[in-house]
Amino acid sequence: MPFPTKLRPHETDAAYAAAQKVVETHRRISTFLKPGVTIAEVDSFVAKTLADLGCRSCFLGYRPTRTTPPFPSHSCVSVNDCIVHGTAGSYSKPLGPGDVLKVDVGVTYQGWVGDAAWTYMFAPVAPEVRRLADASKEGLRRGIQTLRPENTFISWAQVVQDYVEKQCGFHLVRGLGGHGYGRRLHDAPFVANSVPQGLSIHNEWPDAFTRCMPGTLVAVEPMVAVGTSQTHQKKNEWPIYTADGSMSVHHEHDVLITEQGPRILTEGMEDLNDVIG
């Protein structure tokens, strides 16, 4: 799969505008959330917000393969041990104390994609969950600093894994990762969050030693769990869960790699209130 072409100045502005639609959607989500809300109500709120902002969901109806059912929701709404790809109908209970909600928003705006996820925790937040979320956000921050032309993408994984797993003692979810994007939701390169465990990195992660070329757009997204790096998923269903049922978090930024280093297009996400109630 070819890499996106180097963005011209007006294209950079357009990509930034799409990314900021996602940030504004998350700002509104953070004020909408309250104890007792359901994820179906959250997804409905996302749909109304996107319409108000003049963009549309690039998740709704998405099918990565012919055998995959179309994604049925406007956003990915994933609760507790559901790591990613939670649908509006995948969890029916009202959200309350101790729950962890991951909301992933993907939009198309004037032909460009924006895609970012954040984790919201319902008070009271268990100390372990607070540490988990902090580890994910700090791992994301540290990893982004490696996305510069002198590095390859494995540098991202090495830095994120060292911090999240070795220093914080949590588990990066294997088999999931970030991706290039631009005028479509998924493009090369694949950006794994941890270094492959097999004998051949090239076979397991072909993009690992690809250089971080200026002009490349990547959505980078650590997914971190308390107890395991393994997942389970029912056949022909979207949500992906931790294999041991432990809590998980997910944080994602859109980044443009430039000659000078990384530029975070979804700037402002760190300022969100992520504790609800």
Protein backbone atom coordinates (compact mmCIF):
# COMPACT_ATOMS: atom_id res chain seq x y z
CA MET A 1 0.00 0.00 0.00
CA PRO A 2 1.58 3.36 -1.00
CA PHE A 3 2.28 6.05 1.53
CA PRO A 4 0.31 9.29 1.29
CA THR A 5 2.05 11.95 -0.78
CA LYS A 6 3.76 14.82 0.98
CA LEU A 7 1.13 17.32 2.01
CA ARG A 8 1.13 20.76 0.47
CA PRO A 9 0.45 23.78 2.74
CA HIS A 10 -3.26 24.03 1.94
CA GLU A 11 -3.61 20.28 2.50
CA THR A 12 -1.96 20.62 5.90
CA ASP A 13 -4.54 23.23 6.84
CA ALA A 14 -7.34 20.93 5.66
CA ALA A 15 -6.00 17.96 7.62
CA TYR A 16 -5.70 20.15 10.71
CA ALA A 17 -9.27 21.38 10.29
CA ALA A 18 -10.58 17.80 10.16
CA ALA A 19 -8.55 16.84 13.23
CA GLN A 20 -9.90 19.83 15.15
CA LYS A 21 -13.48 18.75 14.39
CA VAL A 22 -12.65 15.62 16.34
CA VAL A 23 -11.20 17.65 19.22
CA GLU A 24 -14.31 19.83 19.38
CA THR A 25 -16.50 16.73 19.38
CA HIS A 26 -14.56 15.36 22.35
CA ARG A 27 -14.87 18.71 24.16
CA ARG A 28 -18.62 18.46 23.85
CA ILE A 29 -18.62 14.78 24.86
CA SER A 30 -16.70 15.60 28.03
CA THR A 31 -19.43 18.05 29.11
CA PHE A 32 -22.29 15.79 27.97
CA LEU A 33 -21.18 12.76 29.96
CA LYS A 34 -22.77 12.21 33.37
CA PRO A 35 -23.55 9.26 35.63
CA GLY A 36 -26.51 7.30 34.29
CA VAL A 37 -25.86 7.94 30.61
CA THR A 38 -25.83 4.95 28.23
CA ILE A 39 -23.38 4.43 25.38
CA ALA A 40 -26.31 4.48 22.96
CA GLU A 41 -27.04 8.02 24.17
CA VAL A 42 -23.36 8.91 23.81
CA ASP A 43 -23.31 7.68 20.23
CA SER A 44 -26.51 9.58 19.42
CA PHE A 45 -24.92 12.72 20.88
CA VAL A 46 -21.85 12.18 18.69
CA ALA A 47 -24.07 11.88 15.61
CA LYS A 48 -25.83 15.16 16.40
CA THR A 49 -22.53 16.89 17.16
CA LEU A 50 -20.94 15.82 13.90
CA ALA A 51 -23.95 17.10 11.97
CA ASP A 52 -23.74 20.41 13.82
CA LEU A 53 -20.03 20.69 12.95
CA GLY A 54 -20.64 20.02 9.27
CA CYS A 55 -18.84 16.68 9.09
CA ARG A 56 -19.82 13.02 9.06
CA SER A 57 -18.68 9.86 10.76
CA CYS A 58 -16.18 7.79 8.80
CA PHE A 59 -16.89 4.83 11.12
CA LEU A 60 -20.59 4.39 10.39
CA GLY A 61 -20.93 1.62 7.80
CA TYR A 62 -17.17 1.04 7.64
CA ARG A 63 -16.10 -2.44 6.42
CA PRO A 64 -12.37 -3.29 6.37
CA THR A 65 -13.11 -6.56 4.53
CA ARG A 66 -16.01 -8.01 2.57
CA THR A 67 -16.72 -10.49 5.34
CA THR A 68 -16.79 -7.86 8.09
CA PRO A 69 -20.24 -6.55 9.00
CA PRO A 70 -20.64 -2.78 8.50
CA PHE A 71 -19.83 -0.86 11.66
CA PRO A 72 -23.24 0.12 13.08
CA SER A 73 -22.41 3.23 15.12
CA HIS A 74 -21.21 6.79 14.61
CA SER A 75 -18.40 6.35 17.13
CA CYS A 76 -16.59 3.54 18.90
CA VAL A 77 -17.88 3.45 22.47
CA SER A 78 -16.03 0.85 24.54
CA VAL A 79 -16.65 0.17 28.24
CA ASN A 80 -14.26 -1.27 30.84
CA ASP A 81 -12.68 -4.47 29.46
CA CYS A 82 -13.82 -3.60 25.93
CA ILE A 83 -10.64 -2.13 24.49
CA VAL A 84 -11.83 -0.79 21.13
CA HIS A 85 -14.59 -1.03 18.51
CA GLY A 86 -17.45 -1.04 20.99
CA THR A 87 -20.78 -0.42 19.28
CA ALA A 88 -23.74 1.54 20.61
CA GLY A 89 -25.54 -1.73 21.32
CA SER A 90 -22.64 -3.62 22.87
CA TYR A 91 -23.25 -2.47 26.47
CA SER A 92 -26.72 -1.63 27.75
CA LYS A 93 -26.15 -0.67 31.41
CA PRO A 94 -26.11 3.01 32.42
CA LEU A 95 -22.58 4.17 33.15
CA GLY A 96 -21.74 4.79 36.76
CA PRO A 97 -19.07 4.83 39.49
CA GLY A 98 -15.85 3.12 38.48
CA ASP A 99 -16.74 2.65 34.82
CA VAL A 100 -14.18 3.44 32.11
CA LEU A 101 -15.45 4.66 28.74
CA LYS A 102 -13.29 4.91 25.61
CA VAL A 103 -14.76 7.09 22.86
CA ASP A 104 -13.12 6.96 19.44
CA VAL A 105 -14.35 9.59 16.97
CA GLY A 106 -13.55 9.51 13.26
CA VAL A 107 -14.79 12.20 10.89
CA THR A 108 -14.64 13.18 7.27
CA TYR A 109 -14.53 16.93 6.76
CA GLN A 110 -14.07 18.54 3.35
CA GLY A 111 -12.48 15.36 2.04
CA TRP A 112 -10.06 14.80 4.92
CA VAL A 113 -10.18 12.40 7.87
CA GLY A 114 -9.70 13.17 11.55
CA ASP A 115 -9.48 10.28 14.02
CA ALA A 116 -8.80 10.41 17.76
CA ALA A 117 -9.85 8.54 20.89
CA TRP A 118 -9.84 9.47 24.57
CA THR A 119 -10.71 7.69 27.81
CA TYR A 120 -13.26 9.00 30.32
CA MET A 121 -13.47 7.64 33.87
CA PHE A 122 -16.53 7.83 36.12
CA ALA A 123 -15.80 8.87 39.70
CA PRO A 124 -14.73 7.52 42.05
CA VAL A 125 -11.78 6.37 39.96
CA ALA A 126 -9.77 3.46 41.34
CA PRO A 127 -6.10 4.41 41.89
CA GLU A 128 -4.96 1.61 39.57
CA VAL A 129 -7.21 2.89 36.78
CA ARG A 130 -5.92 6.45 37.25
CA ARG A 131 -2.36 5.14 36.95
CA LEU A 132 -3.37 3.12 33.88
CA ALA A 133 -4.78 6.18 32.11
CA ASP A 134 -1.81 8.32 33.07
CA ALA A 135 0.59 5.68 31.74
CA SER A 136 -1.26 5.57 28.43
CA LYS A 137 -1.26 9.35 28.00
CA GLU A 138 2.38 9.72 28.97
CA GLY A 139 3.35 6.82 26.71
CA LEU A 140 1.54 8.57 23.87
CA ARG A 141 3.34 11.85 24.60
CA ARG A 142 6.75 10.20 24.72
CA GLY A 143 6.12 8.11 21.63
CA ILE A 144 5.06 11.08 19.54
CA GLN A 145 8.44 12.70 20.13
CA THR A 146 10.07 9.86 18.15
CA LEU A 147 8.04 10.60 14.99
CA ARG A 148 10.74 12.55 13.23
CA PRO A 149 12.65 12.00 9.96
CA GLU A 150 15.80 10.59 11.55
CA ASN A 151 13.83 7.69 13.08
CA THR A 152 11.94 4.62 11.89
CA PHE A 153 8.56 3.58 13.26
CA ILE A 154 10.01 0.92 15.54
CA SER A 155 11.41 3.80 17.62
CA TRP A 156 7.82 4.68 18.52
CA ALA A 157 7.12 1.15 19.77
CA GLN A 158 10.38 0.89 21.70
CA VAL A 159 9.74 4.12 23.61
CA VAL A 160 6.05 3.46 24.31
CA GLN A 161 6.68 -0.12 25.40
CA ASP A 162 9.60 0.81 27.63
CA TYR A 163 7.48 3.34 29.48
CA VAL A 164 4.09 1.57 29.68
CA GLU A 165 5.33 -1.96 30.37
CA LYS A 166 8.78 -1.70 31.94
CA GLN A 167 8.34 1.48 33.94
CA CYS A 168 4.61 1.38 34.74
CA GLY A 169 3.94 -2.38 34.79
CA PHE A 170 0.90 -2.39 32.48
CA HIS A 171 0.34 -4.22 29.19
CA LEU A 172 0.15 -2.82 25.67
CA VAL A 173 -2.47 -4.71 23.70
CA ARG A 174 -0.83 -6.73 20.92
CA GLY A 175 -2.26 -7.04 17.44
CA LEU A 176 -3.74 -3.54 17.51
CA GLY A 177 -2.01 -0.29 16.62
CA GLY A 178 -2.02 3.03 14.85
CA HIS A 179 -2.10 3.74 11.14
CA GLY A 180 -1.55 6.20 8.38
CA TYR A 181 -4.57 8.17 7.22
CA GLY A 182 -5.44 11.18 5.11
CA ARG A 183 -8.26 11.18 2.59
CA ARG A 184 -9.21 7.71 3.79
CA LEU A 185 -9.41 6.27 7.28
CA HIS A 186 -6.69 3.62 7.04
CA ASP A 187 -3.48 3.82 5.06
CA ALA A 188 0.15 2.75 5.44
CA PRO A 189 2.08 2.65 7.67
CA PHE A 190 0.83 0.34 10.42
CA VAL A 191 2.23 1.62 13.73
CA ALA A 192 2.48 -1.15 16.33
CA ASN A 193 2.66 -0.14 19.98
CA SER A 194 5.10 -2.88 20.99
CA VAL A 195 8.03 -4.64 19.38
CA PRO A 196 7.13 -7.99 17.76
CA GLN A 197 8.01 -11.05 19.83
CA GLY A 198 8.82 -13.40 16.94
CA LEU A 199 12.11 -14.14 15.25
CA SER A 200 11.47 -11.90 12.25
CA ILE A 201 10.33 -8.33 12.90
CA HIS A 202 10.08 -7.76 9.15
CA ASN A 203 7.50 -10.55 8.77
CA GLU A 204 5.40 -9.54 11.76
CA TRP A 205 5.59 -5.79 11.21
CA PRO A 206 6.72 -4.88 7.68
CA ASP A 207 6.62 -1.13 8.42
CA ALA A 208 8.81 -1.34 11.54
CA PHE A 209 11.96 -0.05 9.83
CA THR A 210 10.22 2.36 7.48
CA ARG A 211 11.55 5.87 7.97
CA CYS A 212 9.24 8.53 9.36
CA MET A 213 8.96 10.54 6.17
CA PRO A 214 7.94 14.21 6.29
CA GLY A 215 4.40 14.71 5.02
CA THR A 216 3.10 11.44 6.48
CA LEU A 217 -0.07 11.55 8.57
CA VAL A 218 -0.36 8.95 11.32
CA ALA A 219 -3.00 8.26 13.94
CA VAL A 220 -1.04 6.82 16.87
CA GLU A 221 -2.92 5.10 19.68
CA PRO A 222 -1.66 3.14 22.67
CA MET A 223 -4.23 0.66 23.97
CA VAL A 224 -3.28 -0.44 27.47
CA ALA A 225 -4.69 -3.04 29.84
CA VAL A 226 -4.11 -3.82 33.50
CA GLY A 227 -3.57 -7.56 33.29
CA THR A 228 -2.80 -8.81 29.80
CA SER A 229 -1.67 -7.97 26.28
CA GLN A 230 -4.02 -10.58 24.80
CA THR A 231 -7.54 -10.08 23.45
CA HIS A 232 -10.70 -11.97 22.61
CA GLN A 233 -13.37 -11.18 20.04
CA LYS A 234 -16.49 -13.05 18.94
CA LYS A 235 -16.64 -14.04 15.31
CA ASN A 236 -18.31 -11.44 13.07
CA GLU A 237 -18.68 -8.98 15.95
CA TRP A 238 -16.80 -5.70 16.30
CA PRO A 239 -15.92 -5.19 20.00
CA ILE A 240 -12.49 -6.39 21.12
CA TYR A 241 -12.02 -7.26 24.81
CA THR A 242 -9.12 -7.98 27.13
CA ALA A 243 -8.62 -11.73 27.38
CA ASP A 244 -8.70 -11.66 31.19
CA GLY A 245 -11.52 -9.13 31.65
CA SER A 246 -9.21 -6.48 33.10
CA MET A 247 -9.70 -2.75 32.62
CA SER A 248 -8.32 -1.05 29.52
CA VAL A 249 -7.75 2.48 28.24
CA HIS A 250 -7.18 4.03 24.82
CA HIS A 251 -5.71 7.39 23.80
CA GLU A 252 -5.11 8.54 20.22
CA HIS A 253 -3.66 11.58 18.47
CA ASP A 254 -3.40 12.58 14.81
CA VAL A 255 0.18 13.56 13.97
CA LEU A 256 1.78 15.09 10.89
CA ILE A 257 5.47 14.22 10.54
CA THR A 258 7.37 17.31 9.36
CA GLU A 259 11.02 18.10 8.60
CA GLN A 260 11.24 19.61 12.09
CA GLY A 261 9.51 16.71 13.85
CA PRO A 262 5.96 15.80 14.90
CA ARG A 263 3.06 18.23 14.74
CA ILE A 264 0.02 17.12 16.76
CA LEU A 265 -3.05 18.00 14.70
CA THR A 266 -5.45 16.96 17.48
CA GLU A 267 -3.85 19.38 19.94
CA GLY A 268 -6.20 20.18 22.79
CA MET A 269 -7.17 16.63 23.70
CA GLU A 270 -4.92 16.72 26.78
CA ASP A 271 -7.00 19.58 28.18
CA LEU A 272 -10.18 17.50 28.28
CA ASN A 273 -11.76 16.69 31.60
CA ASP A 274 -11.49 12.91 31.72
CA VAL A 275 -13.09 12.32 35.13
CA ILE A 276 -16.88 12.35 35.09
CA GLY A 277 -19.06 12.96 38.14
